[in-house]
């Protein structure tokens, strides 16, 4: 009975030592790779090999943010057209109500 308890204690001790060694190895790896990691100025994500980053001035921007910026710029014309259409509709409605809109007295 005593030997089984001693074996369990020894096994737990070995597991604990392995865990500590793995933690130290991971910490060393992270310190080693930190110089290659970048911080996205827009979304606060950390970029490394799987998330490419591009430097703009002194700041870094990830590829996901670049895609969102590009999509926004590609749709900018349509967005402006929608805003102009909305303004035209508001003017037409105001004229239809006899010119008594919120900005007219």
Protein backbone atom coordinates (compact mmCIF):
# COMPACT_ATOMS: atom_id res chain seq x y z
CA UNK A 1 0.00 0.00 0.00
CA UNK A 2 2.83 2.33 0.86
CA UNK A 3 4.57 1.65 -2.42
CA UNK A 4 1.48 2.54 -4.46
CA UNK A 5 1.25 5.88 -2.66
CA UNK A 6 4.94 6.51 -3.24
CA UNK A 7 4.52 5.72 -6.93
CA UNK A 8 1.57 8.10 -7.19
CA UNK A 9 3.53 10.83 -5.45
CA UNK A 10 6.47 10.22 -7.76
CA UNK A 11 4.18 10.29 -10.82
CA UNK A 12 2.61 13.59 -9.69
CA UNK A 13 6.04 15.04 -9.08
CA UNK A 14 7.15 13.99 -12.59
CA UNK A 15 4.00 15.48 -14.14
CA UNK A 16 4.58 18.73 -12.29
CA UNK A 17 8.21 18.90 -13.44
CA UNK A 18 7.18 18.17 -17.04
CA UNK A 19 4.56 20.89 -16.87
CA UNK A 20 7.08 23.41 -15.51
CA UNK A 21 9.60 22.49 -18.21
CA UNK A 22 6.99 22.84 -20.97
CA UNK A 23 5.99 26.23 -19.58
CA UNK A 24 9.60 27.41 -19.55
CA UNK A 25 10.13 26.14 -23.09
CA UNK A 26 7.00 27.98 -24.30
CA UNK A 27 8.09 31.16 -22.52
CA UNK A 28 11.53 30.96 -24.15
CA UNK A 29 9.93 30.42 -27.57
CA UNK A 30 7.62 33.40 -27.12
CA UNK A 31 10.49 35.66 -26.07
CA UNK A 32 12.46 34.46 -29.09
CA UNK A 33 9.58 35.15 -31.54
CA UNK A 34 8.29 38.38 -30.00
CA UNK A 35 10.49 40.49 -32.26
CA UNK A 36 8.65 39.04 -35.28
CA UNK A 37 5.18 39.74 -33.86
CA UNK A 38 3.29 42.92 -34.70
CA UNK A 39 0.29 44.70 -33.17
CA UNK A 40 -2.49 45.93 -35.49
CA UNK A 41 -3.24 49.60 -34.87
CA UNK A 42 -6.90 49.19 -35.92
CA UNK A 43 -8.19 45.94 -34.41
CA UNK A 44 -5.59 45.28 -31.66
CA UNK A 45 -4.83 41.78 -32.97
CA UNK A 46 -1.36 40.29 -32.88
CA UNK A 47 0.16 39.45 -36.24
CA UNK A 48 2.63 36.71 -36.89
CA UNK A 49 3.14 34.24 -39.75
CA UNK A 50 -0.54 33.35 -40.19
CA UNK A 51 -1.73 36.94 -40.06
CA UNK A 52 0.35 39.11 -42.39
CA UNK A 53 0.82 42.75 -41.44
CA UNK A 54 1.88 45.81 -43.40
CA UNK A 55 3.61 48.82 -41.95
CA UNK A 56 2.04 52.24 -42.52
CA UNK A 57 4.32 54.91 -41.14
CA UNK A 58 5.22 53.67 -37.67
CA UNK A 59 2.08 51.58 -37.20
CA UNK A 60 1.17 48.09 -38.41
CA UNK A 61 -2.16 47.07 -39.98
CA UNK A 62 -3.30 43.44 -40.43
CA UNK A 63 -4.54 41.98 -43.70
CA UNK A 64 -8.10 41.65 -42.36
CA UNK A 65 -8.28 45.40 -41.70
CA UNK A 66 -6.79 46.11 -45.14
CA UNK A 67 -9.55 43.99 -46.71
CA UNK A 68 -12.22 45.92 -44.83
CA UNK A 69 -10.68 49.24 -45.90
CA UNK A 70 -10.52 48.10 -49.52
CA UNK A 71 -14.14 46.90 -49.45
CA UNK A 72 -15.24 50.23 -47.97
CA UNK A 73 -13.37 52.18 -50.63
CA UNK A 74 -14.75 49.96 -53.40
CA UNK A 75 -18.30 50.62 -52.17
CA UNK A 76 -17.77 54.33 -51.50
CA UNK A 77 -19.41 55.44 -54.79
CA UNK A 78 -22.52 53.38 -54.12
CA UNK A 79 -22.65 54.71 -50.54
CA UNK A 80 -22.48 58.30 -51.78
CA UNK A 81 -25.22 57.59 -54.34
CA UNK A 82 -27.45 56.17 -51.58
CA UNK A 83 -26.88 59.27 -49.45
CA UNK A 84 -27.69 61.58 -52.38
CA UNK A 85 -30.86 59.58 -53.13
CA UNK A 86 -31.93 59.80 -49.49
CA UNK A 87 -31.41 63.57 -49.46
CA UNK A 88 -33.37 63.94 -52.70
CA UNK A 89 -36.22 61.87 -51.25
CA UNK A 90 -36.28 64.04 -48.12
CA UNK A 91 -36.44 67.20 -50.27
CA UNK A 92 -39.27 65.73 -52.33
CA UNK A 93 -41.22 64.77 -49.21
CA UNK A 94 -40.75 68.25 -47.74
CA UNK A 95 -42.03 69.83 -50.97
CA UNK A 96 -45.01 67.47 -50.95
CA UNK A 97 -45.89 68.55 -47.42
CA UNK A 98 -46.06 72.18 -48.48
CA UNK A 99 -42.54 73.17 -47.56
CA UNK A 100 -43.08 72.75 -43.82
CA UNK A 101 -39.98 70.70 -43.04
CA UNK A 102 -37.89 70.90 -39.87
CA UNK A 103 -35.44 73.38 -41.42
CA UNK A 104 -38.10 75.63 -42.91
CA UNK A 105 -40.44 78.00 -41.05
